[in-house]
């Protein structure tokens, strides 16, 4: 990947609403050249989309945890992600190597809500859980550039 494209990606990772004019100023490109480069990055699938980054605590979601799950019956269908997709508290689901099958990132308002959610996860997906509660988040979702 060209250095100029990497610079554009770093700018957009920091501010997804940055204008093509501002991208051009930061990179030495014209506005139309910046727009063309961004469109090419989108078409190639390097840029998957744009979104608002929300503050969970401001939404009343004070508790973040990671929940490792593994099926009670290893011969059962591997459909835990589909069985848990309706739970809005599960904000991410990762298929992982090792003892657990999946690692879930969950966000809830209280520890009591976490306890209730864990019971739902176990019942809905037929899995055992191992939970790690987040104390603080020094950083997350950093751009890989």
C-alpha atoms as a PDB file:
ATOM      1  CA  UNK A   1       0.000   0.000   0.000  1.00  0.00           C
ATOM      2  CA  UNK A   2       1.287   3.430  -0.929  1.00  0.00           C
ATOM      3  CA  UNK A   3       2.457   5.798   1.795  1.00  0.00           C
ATOM      4  CA  UNK A   4      -0.111   8.411   0.679  1.00  0.00           C
ATOM      5  CA  UNK A   5      -2.970   5.917   1.064  1.00  0.00           C
ATOM      6  CA  UNK A   6      -1.684   4.983   4.514  1.00  0.00           C
ATOM      7  CA  UNK A   7      -1.653   8.673   5.473  1.00  0.00           C
ATOM      8  CA  UNK A   8      -5.240   9.099   4.248  1.00  0.00           C
ATOM      9  CA  UNK A   9      -6.328   6.035   6.226  1.00  0.00           C
ATOM     10  CA  UNK A  10      -4.650   7.371   9.365  1.00  0.00           C
ATOM     11  CA  UNK A  11      -6.448  10.708   8.953  1.00  0.00           C
ATOM     12  CA  UNK A  12      -9.833   9.036   8.435  1.00  0.00           C
ATOM     13  CA  UNK A  13      -9.258   6.652  11.347  1.00  0.00           C
ATOM     14  CA  UNK A  14      -8.748   9.696  13.561  1.00  0.00           C
ATOM     15  CA  UNK A  15     -11.699  11.614  12.068  1.00  0.00           C
ATOM     16  CA  UNK A  16     -14.056   9.706   9.770  1.00  0.00           C
ATOM     17  CA  UNK A  17     -15.896  12.943   8.969  1.00  0.00           C
ATOM     18  CA  UNK A  18     -12.794  14.743   7.657  1.00  0.00           C
ATOM     19  CA  UNK A  19     -13.586  16.557   4.410  1.00  0.00           C
ATOM     20  CA  UNK A  20     -11.813  15.783   1.155  1.00  0.00           C
ATOM     21  CA  UNK A  21     -10.504  19.358   1.219  1.00  0.00           C
ATOM     22  CA  UNK A  22      -8.910  18.816   4.627  1.00  0.00           C
ATOM     23  CA  UNK A  23      -7.509  15.440   3.544  1.00  0.00           C
ATOM     24  CA  UNK A  24      -6.013  17.186   0.532  1.00  0.00           C
ATOM     25  CA  UNK A  25      -4.445  19.897   2.696  1.00  0.00           C
ATOM     26  CA  UNK A  26      -2.923  17.299   5.027  1.00  0.00           C
ATOM     27  CA  UNK A  27      -1.526  15.180   2.181  1.00  0.00           C
ATOM     28  CA  UNK A  28      -0.694  17.742  -0.493  1.00  0.00           C
ATOM     29  CA  UNK A  29      -3.412  16.457  -2.828  1.00  0.00           C
ATOM     30  CA  UNK A  30      -6.139  18.399  -4.560  1.00  0.00           C
ATOM     31  CA  UNK A  31      -9.651  17.914  -3.199  1.00  0.00           C
ATOM     32  CA  UNK A  32     -10.661  15.821  -6.218  1.00  0.00           C
ATOM     33  CA  UNK A  33      -7.511  13.657  -5.984  1.00  0.00           C
ATOM     34  CA  UNK A  34      -8.187  13.053  -2.273  1.00  0.00           C
ATOM     35  CA  UNK A  35     -11.778  12.108  -3.084  1.00  0.00           C
ATOM     36  CA  UNK A  36     -10.638   9.685  -5.810  1.00  0.00           C
ATOM     37  CA  UNK A  37      -8.147   8.007  -3.480  1.00  0.00           C
ATOM     38  CA  UNK A  38     -10.744   7.600  -0.735  1.00  0.00           C
ATOM     39  CA  UNK A  39     -13.237   6.141  -3.228  1.00  0.00           C
ATOM     40  CA  UNK A  40     -10.610   3.659  -4.462  1.00  0.00           C
ATOM     41  CA  UNK A  41      -9.883   2.611  -0.871  1.00  0.00           C
ATOM     42  CA  UNK A  42     -13.627   2.116  -0.327  1.00  0.00           C
ATOM     43  CA  UNK A  43     -14.020   0.123  -3.565  1.00  0.00           C
ATOM     44  CA  UNK A  44     -11.056  -2.115  -2.658  1.00  0.00           C
ATOM     45  CA  UNK A  45     -12.685  -2.840   0.695  1.00  0.00           C
ATOM     46  CA  UNK A  46      -9.889  -1.253   2.726  1.00  0.00           C
ATOM     47  CA  UNK A  47     -12.426   1.215   4.137  1.00  0.00           C
ATOM     48  CA  UNK A  48     -15.455  -0.824   5.185  1.00  0.00           C
ATOM     49  CA  UNK A  49     -17.608   2.066   6.369  1.00  0.00           C
ATOM     50  CA  UNK A  50     -18.006   5.018   8.673  1.00  0.00           C
ATOM     51  CA  UNK A  51     -19.725   5.154  12.045  1.00  0.00           C
ATOM     52  CA  UNK A  52     -20.243   7.204  15.145  1.00  0.00           C
ATOM     53  CA  UNK A  53     -18.149   6.088  18.119  1.00  0.00           C
ATOM     54  CA  UNK A  54     -20.401   6.062  21.178  1.00  0.00           C
ATOM     55  CA  UNK A  55     -19.391   6.369  24.827  1.00  0.00           C
ATOM     56  CA  UNK A  56     -20.940   3.368  26.627  1.00  0.00           C
ATOM     57  CA  UNK A  57     -20.877   5.041  30.065  1.00  0.00           C
ATOM     58  CA  UNK A  58     -22.891   7.976  28.697  1.00  0.00           C
ATOM     59  CA  UNK A  59     -25.490   5.438  27.547  1.00  0.00           C
ATOM     60  CA  UNK A  60     -25.678   3.968  31.054  1.00  0.00           C
ATOM     61  CA  UNK A  61     -23.500   0.959  30.180  1.00  0.00           C
ATOM     62  CA  UNK A  62     -21.053   1.011  33.093  1.00  0.00           C
ATOM     63  CA  UNK A  63     -19.869  -2.620  32.880  1.00  0.00           C
ATOM     64  CA  UNK A  64     -17.810  -4.100  30.043  1.00  0.00           C
ATOM     65  CA  UNK A  65     -16.730  -7.733  30.144  1.00  0.00           C
ATOM     66  CA  UNK A  66     -15.240 -10.396  27.938  1.00  0.00           C
ATOM     67  CA  UNK A  67     -17.029 -13.733  28.026  1.00  0.00           C
ATOM     68  CA  UNK A  68     -15.263 -16.842  26.728  1.00  0.00           C
ATOM     69  CA  UNK A  69     -17.750 -19.510  25.711  1.00  0.00           C
ATOM     70  CA  UNK A  70     -17.434 -23.155  24.803  1.00  0.00           C
ATOM     71  CA  UNK A  71     -20.194 -25.631  23.995  1.00  0.00           C
ATOM     72  CA  UNK A  72     -21.317 -28.164  26.581  1.00  0.00           C
ATOM     73  CA  UNK A  73     -21.475 -30.688  23.731  1.00  0.00           C
ATOM     74  CA  UNK A  74     -18.504 -30.312  21.347  1.00  0.00           C
ATOM     75  CA  UNK A  75     -20.326 -32.416  18.731  1.00  0.00           C
ATOM     76  CA  UNK A  76     -23.264 -29.966  18.628  1.00  0.00           C
ATOM     77  CA  UNK A  77     -23.681 -27.515  15.750  1.00  0.00           C
ATOM     78  CA  UNK A  78     -21.287 -24.563  15.864  1.00  0.00           C
ATOM     79  CA  UNK A  79     -24.053 -21.949  15.810  1.00  0.00           C
ATOM     80  CA  UNK A  80     -23.459 -19.932  18.991  1.00  0.00           C
ATOM     81  CA  UNK A  81     -23.048 -16.619  17.107  1.00  0.00           C
ATOM     82  CA  UNK A  82     -26.449 -17.068  15.463  1.00  0.00           C
ATOM     83  CA  UNK A  83     -28.061 -18.104  18.760  1.00  0.00           C
ATOM     84  CA  UNK A  84     -26.705 -14.989  20.476  1.00  0.00           C
ATOM     85  CA  UNK A  85     -27.199 -12.430  17.691  1.00  0.00           C
ATOM     86  CA  UNK A  86     -30.464 -11.204  19.259  1.00  0.00           C
ATOM     87  CA  UNK A  87     -28.681 -10.114  22.453  1.00  0.00           C
ATOM     88  CA  UNK A  88     -27.897  -6.421  21.958  1.00  0.00           C
ATOM     89  CA  UNK A  89     -25.615  -6.505  25.003  1.00  0.00           C
ATOM     90  CA  UNK A  90     -23.178  -8.654  22.992  1.00  0.00           C
ATOM     91  CA  UNK A  91     -21.331  -5.968  21.041  1.00  0.00           C
ATOM     92  CA  UNK A  92     -18.626  -8.184  19.482  1.00  0.00           C
ATOM     93  CA  UNK A  93     -18.180 -11.890  18.826  1.00  0.00           C
ATOM     94  CA  UNK A  94     -14.786 -13.359  17.903  1.00  0.00           C
ATOM     95  CA  UNK A  95     -14.101 -16.936  16.807  1.00  0.00           C
ATOM     96  CA  UNK A  96     -10.856 -17.852  18.574  1.00  0.00           C
ATOM     97  CA  UNK A  97      -8.266 -20.609  18.654  1.00  0.00           C
ATOM     98  CA  UNK A  98      -7.752 -22.449  21.908  1.00  0.00           C
ATOM     99  CA  UNK A  99     -10.051 -23.757  24.632  1.00  0.00           C
ATOM    100  CA  UNK A 100     -13.029 -21.424  24.183  1.00  0.00           C
ATOM    101  CA  UNK A 101     -14.818 -21.414  20.843  1.00  0.00           C
ATOM    102  CA  UNK A 102     -15.743 -17.730  20.934  1.00  0.00           C
ATOM    103  CA  UNK A 103     -14.892 -14.599  22.860  1.00  0.00           C
ATOM    104  CA  UNK A 104     -17.736 -12.133  23.368  1.00  0.00           C
ATOM    105  CA  UNK A 105     -17.440  -8.490  24.339  1.00  0.00           C
ATOM    106  CA  UNK A 106     -20.506  -7.448  26.317  1.00  0.00           C
ATOM    107  CA  UNK A 107     -21.684  -4.134  27.772  1.00  0.00           C
ATOM    108  CA  UNK A 108     -24.374  -3.772  30.439  1.00  0.00           C
ATOM    109  CA  UNK A 109     -25.491  -1.256  33.052  1.00  0.00           C
ATOM    110  CA  UNK A 110     -24.787  -3.185  36.260  1.00  0.00           C
ATOM    111  CA  UNK A 111     -23.134  -6.300  37.606  1.00  0.00           C
ATOM    112  CA  UNK A 112     -26.626  -7.691  38.202  1.00  0.00           C
ATOM    113  CA  UNK A 113     -27.364  -7.177  34.513  1.00  0.00           C
ATOM    114  CA  UNK A 114     -24.139  -9.013  33.690  1.00  0.00           C
ATOM    115  CA  UNK A 115     -25.213 -11.950  35.832  1.00  0.00           C
ATOM    116  CA  UNK A 116     -28.585 -12.061  34.060  1.00  0.00           C
ATOM    117  CA  UNK A 117     -26.922 -11.815  30.651  1.00  0.00           C
ATOM    118  CA  UNK A 118     -24.537 -14.674  31.443  1.00  0.00           C
ATOM    119  CA  UNK A 119     -27.490 -16.902  32.340  1.00  0.00           C
ATOM    120  CA  UNK A 120     -29.163 -15.989  29.024  1.00  0.00           C
ATOM    121  CA  UNK A 121     -25.960 -16.691  27.059  1.00  0.00           C
ATOM    122  CA  UNK A 122     -25.608 -20.127  28.682  1.00  0.00           C
ATOM    123  CA  UNK A 123     -29.268 -20.997  28.106  1.00  0.00           C
ATOM    124  CA  UNK A 124     -29.613 -19.611  24.567  1.00  0.00           C
ATOM    125  CA  UNK A 125     -26.382 -21.062  23.176  1.00  0.00           C
ATOM    126  CA  UNK A 126     -25.905 -24.191  25.316  1.00  0.00           C
ATOM    127  CA  UNK A 127     -22.432 -23.114  26.422  1.00  0.00           C
ATOM    128  CA  UNK A 128     -20.306 -22.698  29.500  1.00  0.00           C
ATOM    129  CA  UNK A 129     -18.865 -19.259  30.205  1.00  0.00           C
ATOM    130  CA  UNK A 130     -15.717 -17.778  31.702  1.00  0.00           C
ATOM    131  CA  UNK A 131     -15.987 -14.041  32.328  1.00  0.00           C
ATOM    132  CA  UNK A 132     -13.374 -11.315  32.697  1.00  0.00           C
ATOM    133  CA  UNK A 133     -14.635  -7.896  33.797  1.00  0.00           C
ATOM    134  CA  UNK A 134     -12.922  -4.798  32.400  1.00  0.00           C
ATOM    135  CA  UNK A 135     -11.627  -2.363  35.038  1.00  0.00           C
ATOM    136  CA  UNK A 136     -10.540   0.383  32.636  1.00  0.00           C
ATOM    137  CA  UNK A 137      -9.798   0.859  28.944  1.00  0.00           C
ATOM    138  CA  UNK A 138      -6.565   2.768  28.317  1.00  0.00           C
ATOM    139  CA  UNK A 139      -7.255   2.480  24.554  1.00  0.00           C
ATOM    140  CA  UNK A 140      -9.245   0.396  22.080  1.00  0.00           C
ATOM    141  CA  UNK A 141     -10.028   0.152  18.386  1.00  0.00           C
ATOM    142  CA  UNK A 142      -6.756   1.770  17.355  1.00  0.00           C
ATOM    143  CA  UNK A 143      -6.075   1.946  13.653  1.00  0.00           C
ATOM    144  CA  UNK A 144      -3.461  -0.657  12.606  1.00  0.00           C
ATOM    145  CA  UNK A 145      -1.343   1.962  10.839  1.00  0.00           C
END
